[in-house]
Protein backbone atom coordinates (compact mmCIF):
# COMPACT_ATOMS: atom_id res chain seq x y z
CA MET A 1 10.33 -8.93 -80.29
CA LYS A 2 8.26 -9.21 -77.34
CA ARG A 3 5.59 -7.10 -76.19
CA VAL A 4 4.23 -6.95 -72.34
CA TYR A 5 0.40 -7.27 -71.99
CA THR A 6 -1.73 -7.35 -69.03
CA HIS A 7 -4.33 -10.37 -69.33
CA LEU A 8 -6.61 -12.47 -67.37
CA ILE A 9 -6.91 -16.18 -66.79
CA ALA A 10 -10.03 -16.60 -64.82
CA ILE A 11 -10.46 -20.36 -63.74
CA SER A 12 -12.83 -21.71 -61.09
CA LEU A 13 -13.38 -18.73 -58.93
CA LEU A 14 -11.15 -15.91 -60.00
CA LEU A 15 -7.62 -16.26 -61.08
CA SER A 16 -5.82 -13.21 -62.59
CA MET A 17 -2.29 -12.76 -64.14
CA GLY A 18 0.11 -10.15 -65.88
CA ALA A 19 2.17 -12.09 -68.62
CA GLN A 20 4.37 -11.60 -71.63
CA ALA A 21 3.53 -12.93 -75.24
CA ASP A 22 4.54 -12.57 -78.79
CA SER A 23 2.36 -10.48 -80.66
CA GLU A 24 1.14 -13.19 -83.06
CA ASP A 25 0.00 -15.25 -80.10
CA PHE A 26 -3.03 -12.72 -80.24
CA GLU A 27 -4.27 -13.49 -83.77
CA SER A 28 -7.10 -15.73 -82.84
CA ILE A 29 -8.27 -13.86 -79.80
CA ASN A 30 -12.18 -13.59 -79.53
CA SER A 31 -13.65 -10.58 -78.06
CA GLY A 32 -17.57 -11.61 -78.07
CA ASP A 33 -19.56 -13.75 -75.87
CA LEU A 34 -19.24 -17.68 -75.11
CA ARG A 35 -18.67 -19.67 -78.24
CA ILE A 36 -18.46 -23.39 -78.17
CA LEU A 37 -15.70 -24.88 -80.61
CA THR A 38 -16.59 -27.72 -82.72
CA GLU A 39 -12.95 -27.67 -84.33
CA LEU A 40 -9.90 -27.01 -82.39
CA PRO A 41 -6.67 -24.79 -83.54
CA ASP A 42 -3.71 -26.63 -84.86
CA GLN A 43 -1.64 -25.45 -81.73
CA PRO A 44 -2.41 -26.98 -78.37
CA ILE A 45 -4.74 -24.65 -76.32
CA PRO A 46 -4.80 -24.26 -72.52
CA LEU A 47 -6.34 -27.20 -70.83
CA HIS A 48 -7.91 -27.04 -67.38
CA SER A 49 -8.68 -30.39 -65.96
CA LYS A 50 -10.74 -30.65 -62.71
CA THR A 51 -11.99 -32.98 -60.14
CA LEU A 52 -15.05 -32.04 -57.77
CA ARG A 53 -16.12 -34.35 -55.04
CA LEU A 54 -19.28 -33.80 -53.32
CA SER A 55 -19.39 -35.67 -50.02
CA THR A 56 -22.08 -36.44 -47.35
CA ASP A 57 -20.82 -33.59 -45.51
CA SER A 58 -20.95 -31.16 -48.60
CA LEU A 59 -24.81 -31.26 -48.39
CA ASN A 60 -24.48 -29.47 -45.05
CA SER A 61 -21.28 -27.25 -44.99
CA PHE A 62 -21.56 -26.48 -48.81
CA TRP A 63 -17.75 -26.97 -49.37
CA VAL A 64 -16.47 -29.37 -52.08
CA ASN A 65 -13.27 -30.99 -52.50
CA ASN A 66 -11.42 -29.64 -55.71
CA SER A 67 -8.38 -30.76 -57.65
CA GLN A 68 -7.30 -29.19 -60.74
CA CYS A 69 -4.52 -28.85 -63.07
CA LEU A 70 -3.56 -26.10 -65.80
CA THR A 71 -1.50 -27.26 -68.73
CA HIS A 72 -0.47 -25.95 -72.27
CA MET A 73 -0.51 -22.24 -70.64
CA ASN A 74 2.26 -21.27 -73.13
CA TRP A 75 1.19 -17.77 -72.82
CA TRP A 76 2.02 -17.72 -68.93
CA GLY A 77 4.59 -15.03 -68.49
CA ASP A 78 7.65 -14.43 -65.95
CA ALA A 79 5.34 -13.71 -62.85
CA VAL A 80 1.74 -14.64 -62.30
CA GLN A 81 -0.52 -14.38 -59.33
CA ILE A 82 -3.76 -16.55 -59.06
CA VAL A 83 -6.23 -14.93 -56.96
CA PHE A 84 -9.18 -16.90 -55.68
CA GLY A 85 -12.22 -15.36 -53.90
CA LYS A 86 -11.97 -14.78 -50.18
CA GLY A 87 -14.47 -16.77 -48.40
CA LYS A 88 -14.83 -19.02 -51.41
CA VAL A 89 -11.72 -21.30 -50.71
CA ARG A 90 -9.82 -22.76 -48.27
CA ALA A 91 -7.04 -25.59 -47.93
CA LEU A 92 -5.25 -24.21 -50.95
CA ASN A 93 -2.10 -26.30 -51.99
CA ILE A 94 0.03 -26.67 -54.81
CA THR A 95 0.76 -30.29 -55.51
CA ARG A 96 2.53 -30.32 -58.88
CA SER A 97 4.75 -27.52 -60.49
CA VAL A 98 6.36 -28.11 -63.74
CA ASN A 99 8.72 -25.48 -65.71
CA ILE A 100 7.85 -22.87 -63.11
CA GLY A 101 10.94 -21.78 -61.07
CA LYS A 102 8.89 -20.50 -58.00
CA SER A 103 5.43 -21.06 -56.64
CA TRP A 104 3.87 -20.77 -53.34
CA VAL A 105 0.57 -20.08 -51.70
CA GLU A 106 0.05 -16.72 -50.03
CA ASP A 107 -3.48 -15.96 -48.34
CA ASN A 108 -6.10 -16.81 -51.06
CA THR A 109 -3.45 -16.44 -53.86
CA VAL A 110 -1.01 -18.71 -55.60
CA GLN A 111 2.25 -16.84 -56.69
CA LEU A 112 4.43 -18.04 -59.78
CA GLU A 113 7.54 -16.71 -60.90
CA GLU A 114 10.16 -17.78 -63.50
CA ILE A 115 7.46 -19.57 -65.86
CA ALA A 116 8.63 -21.33 -69.00
CA GLU A 117 7.03 -22.70 -71.83
CA GLU A 118 4.93 -25.95 -71.15
CA ALA A 119 4.34 -24.85 -67.51
CA GLU A 120 2.11 -27.09 -65.60
CA LEU A 121 0.29 -26.22 -62.29
CA CYS A 122 -1.64 -28.49 -60.20
CA LEU A 123 -3.86 -27.41 -57.07
CA THR A 124 -6.18 -28.75 -54.41
CA SER A 125 -8.39 -26.91 -52.42
CA GLU A 126 -12.24 -26.94 -50.90
CA ASN A 127 -14.54 -24.55 -52.54
CA ARG A 128 -17.81 -23.21 -51.42
CA ILE A 129 -19.75 -23.76 -54.72
CA LEU A 130 -22.54 -25.92 -53.58
CA HIS A 131 -25.98 -24.05 -52.89
CA HIS A 132 -28.83 -25.48 -51.18
CA ASP A 133 -32.62 -24.53 -52.00
CA LYS A 134 -34.66 -25.43 -48.94
CA ALA A 135 -38.10 -25.01 -50.68
CA SER A 136 -37.30 -28.04 -53.02
CA ASP A 137 -34.53 -29.50 -51.10
CA SER A 138 -32.46 -29.39 -54.19
CA TYR A 139 -28.72 -28.58 -54.78
CA THR A 140 -26.89 -26.48 -57.48
CA LEU A 141 -23.12 -26.82 -57.81
CA THR A 142 -22.07 -23.87 -59.77
CA VAL A 143 -18.59 -24.13 -61.23
CA GLY A 144 -16.93 -21.00 -62.96
CA PRO A 145 -16.20 -18.59 -64.56
CA PHE A 146 -13.72 -20.28 -66.71
CA LEU A 147 -11.93 -18.01 -69.26
CA PHE A 148 -8.63 -17.42 -70.59
CA ARG A 149 -8.40 -13.76 -71.53
CA LEU A 150 -5.56 -12.24 -73.21
CA PHE A 151 -5.06 -8.28 -73.88
CA ASP A 152 -8.81 -7.03 -74.35
CA GLY A 153 -10.22 -10.56 -75.95
CA PHE A 154 -10.51 -14.17 -75.10
CA SER A 155 -8.65 -17.19 -76.54
CA PRO A 156 -9.39 -20.77 -76.79
CA MET A 157 -9.14 -22.93 -73.87
CA THR A 158 -10.46 -26.67 -72.90
CA VAL A 159 -12.37 -27.47 -69.58
CA ALA A 160 -12.36 -31.12 -68.61
CA MET A 161 -14.43 -31.83 -65.52
CA ARG A 162 -15.47 -34.84 -63.58
CA ILE A 163 -17.99 -34.66 -60.85
CA ASP A 164 -18.05 -37.18 -57.86
CA TYR A 165 -21.38 -37.28 -55.72
CA PRO A 166 -23.00 -39.54 -53.39
CA LYS A 167 -25.54 -41.50 -55.54
CA ASP A 168 -27.47 -42.93 -52.64
CA LEU A 169 -28.35 -39.21 -51.56
CA LEU A 170 -28.40 -37.07 -54.73
CA ILE A 171 -30.00 -37.37 -58.51
CA LEU A 172 -28.73 -35.42 -61.17
CA GLU A 173 -31.53 -33.40 -62.83
CA ASP A 174 -30.15 -31.34 -65.54
CA ILE A 175 -26.50 -29.71 -66.38
CA LEU A 176 -26.36 -26.31 -68.07
CA PRO A 177 -25.10 -25.89 -70.65
CA GLY A 178 -26.36 -29.39 -71.88
CA ALA A 179 -24.90 -31.95 -74.22
CA ALA A 180 -24.61 -30.18 -77.64
CA PRO A 181 -22.07 -30.13 -80.67
CA GLY A 182 -18.80 -29.44 -78.80
CA ILE A 183 -19.92 -30.32 -75.50
CA ASP A 184 -19.47 -33.80 -74.23
CA ILE A 185 -21.17 -35.05 -71.30
CA ILE A 186 -21.26 -38.59 -69.96
CA ASP A 187 -23.50 -39.52 -66.86
CA GLU A 188 -23.02 -42.33 -64.82
CA PRO A 189 -24.65 -42.97 -61.12
CA GLY A 190 -22.33 -40.92 -58.93
CA ARG A 191 -20.20 -39.47 -61.44
CA ILE A 192 -20.59 -36.85 -64.40
CA TYR A 193 -17.75 -36.12 -67.02
CA PHE A 194 -17.86 -32.51 -68.64
CA ARG A 195 -15.60 -31.40 -71.51
CA THR A 196 -15.69 -28.65 -73.90
CA SER A 197 -13.62 -26.40 -75.78
CA PHE A 198 -14.61 -22.74 -76.18
CA GLU A 199 -13.83 -19.07 -76.24
CA GLY A 200 -15.47 -16.35 -73.84
CA VAL A 201 -16.66 -17.08 -70.45
CA LEU A 202 -18.16 -20.20 -69.33
CA TRP A 203 -20.46 -21.22 -66.40
CA VAL A 204 -21.43 -24.56 -65.69
CA LYS A 205 -24.39 -25.61 -63.39
CA PHE A 206 -25.23 -28.99 -62.13
CA HIS A 207 -28.71 -29.24 -60.72
CA PHE A 208 -29.55 -32.21 -58.13
CA ARG A 209 -32.22 -33.38 -56.34
CA ARG A 210 -32.41 -35.41 -52.93
CA ALA A 211 -32.82 -39.20 -53.69
CA GLY A 212 -36.70 -40.03 -52.78
CA SER A 213 -37.90 -36.33 -53.33
CA LEU A 214 -40.42 -35.44 -55.95
CA GLY A 215 -38.13 -33.06 -57.81
CA TRP A 216 -38.35 -29.52 -59.19
């Protein structure tokens, strides 16, 4: 027997939905603050894979190219609305839709209907998530919030990000949260990989300075 719940999945800027789920799906829900997982549940958990590309133009416009896919979303319901913050997203497009009967972009939202198990959704967009501090000539890329909220608590999810940036113009200063048990980071010139599984609400900040500047 199924019960209808209103729940929230927030990914990147703002993403909300109402959906349908079995009551046993909620046994592992966490209602606390951010908790990084060092061991994963036996069943697959939602995966948000994301690539952000900072271009030379991004350093002036603060718009960043984004491509992302959502998979293992087995709690998605019959109808879902994904809402992005107005003024923070543009050029929003659906590039892949699997096991979803209907999907379309409407203003700053993505509308989904007839969602089956193992649904997969991929999007591209431009997001205004880069901040420039004039005093230090530094940049902060703020990504989030990421969360998978069901009923009145949080359920586990995995975020896997790749950040591409112009290595001749920017130098990575630090990442918050940084590498720790359950948080894997690979830092290469011009490219960063970040992966973690968690419960709660996750924000990730990447701090850069201009190449040739003295730093913070």
